[in-house]
C-alpha cells in the first residue's frame, strides 16, 4: 500500500501506553460529536465512536477514534476548514485507501507536553457508504458483546505494548492477524473476510 501524504510531521513513540477503560471516553466522544456536527452541518453524513475506547472493559490507548463520513472526501473544501476551526489538525490524506483523511486533536498525543485541556482524538474521514466504515463498526460491536474475543484482543495488545516501536502505527499493524481472525468470527465465517480487493477486513488497524 502506498504511503500516506503527510501534512504535518509524524509523531514517534517508542512505547505504547495502554489504559484501563475509562467512562470519560464516551463523554469526550459525545462532546466532540456535537462540535463536529455544529462545524459541518449538512456536509456530515454519519459519525460514530469507533476503536477500543468505544468498547467497555477493553484496555486502550487513551485516544478517541471517530469515524466521519461525507459525500466525497476528495472535496476537501467542503470540510477541512470547518474541522480546523473546531480545533482539528489535518494530519494526512490517503486517496488510495478509501479516500481516507485523518485529522487529530490534542497533539502531541504521546508526549508530556501535550495540551491538558483537550482530549486526544483521531478523526477518520471516509466517503458515505464506505464498506471499510461498516467493517470497523462490525468489529467494534462484536467486541462489545463477545467476552472471549475481547479478552483475546486485550491480551494481544498488552503483549505488543511491551515492545518498542518506531511509530504507533507499527504497533497497530502488528495486530493485523488477530484483528482478521476476530473479524472473521464477527462476520460469521471461518474464512478471512475480503474488502473486495483480496485483503482481510478491516483492512488496517487504526485504533487502540
Protein backbone atom coordinates (compact mmCIF):
# COMPACT_ATOMS: atom_id res chain seq x y z
CA UNK A 1 0.00 0.00 0.00
CA UNK A 2 1.26 3.49 -0.85
CA UNK A 3 2.44 5.76 1.93
CA UNK A 4 0.03 8.48 3.08
CA UNK A 5 0.70 12.08 2.14
CA UNK A 6 1.66 13.58 5.50
CA UNK A 7 0.80 17.23 6.03
CA UNK A 8 2.45 17.51 9.46
CA UNK A 9 5.38 15.56 10.95
CA UNK A 10 4.53 12.12 12.26
CA UNK A 11 4.82 11.66 16.00
CA UNK A 12 7.23 8.95 17.06
CA UNK A 13 6.52 6.86 20.15
CA UNK A 14 8.87 4.00 21.07
CA UNK A 15 6.47 2.80 23.79
CA UNK A 16 2.72 2.30 23.70
CA UNK A 17 0.83 3.09 26.89
CA UNK A 18 -2.48 1.30 27.43
CA UNK A 19 -5.10 2.37 29.94
CA UNK A 20 -7.98 0.56 31.57
CA UNK A 21 -11.32 1.54 30.09
CA UNK A 22 -12.40 5.00 31.24
CA UNK A 23 -16.06 6.03 31.18
CA UNK A 24 -14.86 9.57 30.43
CA UNK A 25 -14.03 8.45 26.89
CA UNK A 26 -17.71 8.17 25.97
CA UNK A 27 -18.32 11.67 27.34
CA UNK A 28 -15.35 13.03 25.40
CA UNK A 29 -16.70 11.47 22.23
CA UNK A 30 -20.15 12.98 22.82
CA UNK A 31 -18.61 16.43 23.23
CA UNK A 32 -16.57 16.08 20.03
CA UNK A 33 -19.57 14.78 18.10
CA UNK A 34 -21.54 17.91 18.94
CA UNK A 35 -18.62 20.14 17.92
CA UNK A 36 -18.21 18.31 14.61
CA UNK A 37 -21.94 18.35 13.85
CA UNK A 38 -22.06 22.08 14.51
CA UNK A 39 -18.98 22.66 12.35
CA UNK A 40 -20.07 20.61 9.35
CA UNK A 41 -23.85 20.89 9.33
CA UNK A 42 -25.37 19.20 6.28
CA UNK A 43 -21.92 18.16 4.99
CA UNK A 44 -21.79 15.44 7.63
CA UNK A 45 -23.38 12.14 6.68
CA UNK A 46 -22.58 9.80 9.60
CA UNK A 47 -20.44 9.97 12.72
CA UNK A 48 -19.55 7.18 15.14
CA UNK A 49 -17.30 6.41 18.09
CA UNK A 50 -15.04 3.54 16.99
CA UNK A 51 -11.93 1.76 18.14
CA UNK A 52 -11.06 0.36 21.54
CA UNK A 53 -12.15 3.41 23.54
CA UNK A 54 -15.68 2.64 22.31
CA UNK A 55 -15.61 -0.85 23.86
CA UNK A 56 -16.34 -1.11 27.61
CA UNK A 57 -13.97 -3.35 29.60
CA UNK A 58 -11.26 -3.16 26.93
CA UNK A 59 -7.83 -1.65 27.51
CA UNK A 60 -6.90 1.04 25.01
CA UNK A 61 -4.55 3.83 24.17
CA UNK A 62 -6.40 6.89 25.56
CA UNK A 63 -7.10 8.29 22.08
CA UNK A 64 -10.69 8.64 20.88
CA UNK A 65 -11.26 7.30 17.36
CA UNK A 66 -14.09 8.95 15.44
CA UNK A 67 -15.42 7.76 12.08
CA UNK A 68 -16.89 10.55 9.96
CA UNK A 69 -18.40 10.17 6.50
CA UNK A 70 -19.04 12.87 3.92
CA UNK A 71 -20.19 12.66 0.31
CA UNK A 72 -16.70 12.98 -1.18
CA UNK A 73 -13.53 13.21 0.94
CA UNK A 74 -11.65 14.36 -2.17
CA UNK A 75 -13.66 17.59 -2.00
CA UNK A 76 -11.63 18.91 0.91
CA UNK A 77 -13.09 22.40 0.55
CA UNK A 78 -16.34 21.04 1.99
CA UNK A 79 -14.97 20.05 5.39
CA UNK A 80 -11.28 20.81 6.07
CA UNK A 81 -11.63 24.44 7.15
CA UNK A 82 -14.66 23.79 9.39
CA UNK A 83 -12.84 20.94 11.12
CA UNK A 84 -9.75 23.10 11.59
CA UNK A 85 -11.97 25.78 13.13
CA UNK A 86 -13.23 23.10 15.55
CA UNK A 87 -9.65 22.50 16.71
CA UNK A 88 -8.56 19.67 14.42
CA UNK A 89 -5.23 19.45 12.60
CA UNK A 90 -5.26 17.92 9.10
CA UNK A 91 -2.68 15.16 9.52
CA UNK A 92 -2.60 13.17 6.28
CA UNK A 93 -4.54 12.07 3.22
CA UNK A 94 -4.71 8.61 1.61
CA UNK A 95 -6.63 8.78 -1.70
CA UNK A 96 -5.62 5.18 -2.47
CA UNK A 97 -7.26 3.81 0.71
CA UNK A 98 -10.98 4.59 0.52
CA UNK A 99 -10.13 8.32 0.11
CA UNK A 100 -9.21 8.33 3.81
CA UNK A 101 -8.28 11.59 5.51
CA UNK A 102 -7.03 11.81 9.10
CA UNK A 103 -7.38 14.75 11.46
CA UNK A 104 -6.04 14.93 15.01
CA UNK A 105 -6.80 16.92 18.14
CA UNK A 106 -4.83 17.18 21.37
CA UNK A 107 -1.45 16.78 19.72
CA UNK A 108 1.12 15.63 20.51
CA UNK A 109 -0.78 12.54 21.62
CA UNK A 110 2.16 10.78 23.26
CA UNK A 111 4.16 13.50 24.95
CA UNK A 112 4.17 15.10 28.37
CA UNK A 113 3.93 18.44 26.55
CA UNK A 114 0.52 17.70 25.05
CA UNK A 115 -2.35 20.15 25.77
CA UNK A 116 -4.01 19.21 29.04
CA UNK A 117 -7.33 20.86 28.20
CA UNK A 118 -8.13 18.73 25.15
CA UNK A 119 -8.92 15.06 24.64
CA UNK A 120 -6.71 13.08 22.29
CA UNK A 121 -8.67 12.36 19.12
CA UNK A 122 -8.09 10.68 15.76
CA UNK A 123 -10.81 11.73 13.32
CA UNK A 124 -11.07 9.48 10.26
CA UNK A 125 -12.93 10.81 7.20
CA UNK A 126 -14.34 8.34 4.67
CA UNK A 127 -16.95 8.53 1.88
CA UNK A 128 -20.57 7.91 2.79
CA UNK A 129 -21.44 4.24 2.34
CA UNK A 130 -17.80 3.12 2.59
CA UNK A 131 -17.60 -0.60 3.35
CA UNK A 132 -14.49 -0.07 5.47
CA UNK A 133 -16.54 2.02 7.90
CA UNK A 134 -19.14 -0.73 8.13
CA UNK A 135 -16.43 -3.29 8.91
CA UNK A 136 -14.88 -1.12 11.61
CA UNK A 137 -18.27 -0.80 13.29
CA UNK A 138 -18.95 -4.53 12.98
CA UNK A 139 -15.60 -5.15 14.71
CA UNK A 140 -16.46 -2.66 17.47
CA UNK A 141 -19.91 -4.14 18.06
CA UNK A 142 -18.57 -7.70 18.14
CA UNK A 143 -16.02 -6.80 20.80
CA UNK A 144 -18.73 -5.11 22.85
CA UNK A 145 -20.68 -8.36 23.07
CA UNK A 146 -18.11 -11.17 22.83
CA UNK A 147 -16.09 -11.55 26.01
CA UNK A 148 -13.73 -14.22 24.65
CA UNK A 149 -12.61 -12.16 21.66
CA UNK A 150 -12.46 -9.03 23.77
CA UNK A 151 -10.08 -10.89 26.10
CA UNK A 152 -8.02 -12.19 23.16
CA UNK A 153 -7.71 -8.70 21.72
CA UNK A 154 -6.75 -7.21 25.09
CA UNK A 155 -4.07 -9.87 25.67
CA UNK A 156 -2.66 -9.27 22.19
CA UNK A 157 -2.48 -5.52 22.74
CA UNK A 158 -0.87 -5.87 26.15
CA UNK A 159 1.77 -8.25 24.76
CA UNK A 160 2.61 -5.94 21.86
CA UNK A 161 2.61 -2.85 24.08
CA UNK A 162 5.58 -4.28 25.98
CA UNK A 163 7.70 -3.92 22.84
CA UNK A 164 9.45 -0.82 21.49
CA UNK A 165 8.03 0.75 18.31
CA UNK A 166 9.28 3.41 15.95
CA UNK A 167 5.71 4.58 15.29
CA UNK A 168 2.38 3.90 16.95
CA UNK A 169 1.04 2.70 13.59
CA UNK A 170 3.66 -0.08 13.65
CA UNK A 171 2.08 -1.32 16.89
CA UNK A 172 -1.35 -1.15 15.25
CA UNK A 173 -0.12 -3.02 12.16
CA UNK A 174 1.26 -5.80 14.37
CA UNK A 175 -2.30 -6.60 15.47
CA UNK A 176 -3.47 -7.28 11.91
CA UNK A 177 -3.58 -11.09 12.08
CA UNK A 178 -5.56 -11.15 15.31
CA UNK A 179 -7.92 -8.46 14.02
CA UNK A 180 -8.55 -10.53 10.89
CA UNK A 181 -9.19 -13.65 12.99
CA UNK A 182 -11.71 -11.85 15.19
CA UNK A 183 -13.29 -10.13 12.21
CA UNK A 184 -13.89 -13.46 10.51
CA UNK A 185 -15.88 -14.61 13.52
CA UNK A 186 -17.73 -11.29 13.69
CA UNK A 187 -18.84 -11.74 10.10
CA UNK A 188 -19.91 -15.31 10.78
CA UNK A 189 -17.40 -17.07 8.53
CA UNK A 190 -14.29 -19.16 9.07
CA UNK A 191 -12.58 -17.51 6.11
CA UNK A 192 -10.89 -14.13 6.20
CA UNK A 193 -13.41 -11.58 5.00
CA UNK A 194 -12.44 -9.62 1.93
CA UNK A 195 -12.93 -5.93 1.25
CA UNK A 196 -13.41 -6.66 -2.43
CA UNK A 197 -9.70 -6.25 -3.17
CA UNK A 198 -8.47 -9.51 -1.66
CA UNK A 199 -7.48 -8.12 1.74
CA UNK A 200 -8.69 -9.11 5.21
CA UNK A 201 -11.15 -6.75 6.85
CA UNK A 202 -10.85 -4.33 8.45
CA UNK A 203 -8.02 -3.73 6.02
CA UNK A 204 -5.98 -1.86 8.59
CA UNK A 205 -5.99 -1.41 12.34
CA UNK A 206 -6.17 2.30 13.02
CA UNK A 207 -7.00 2.34 16.69
CA UNK A 208 -6.20 1.42 20.32
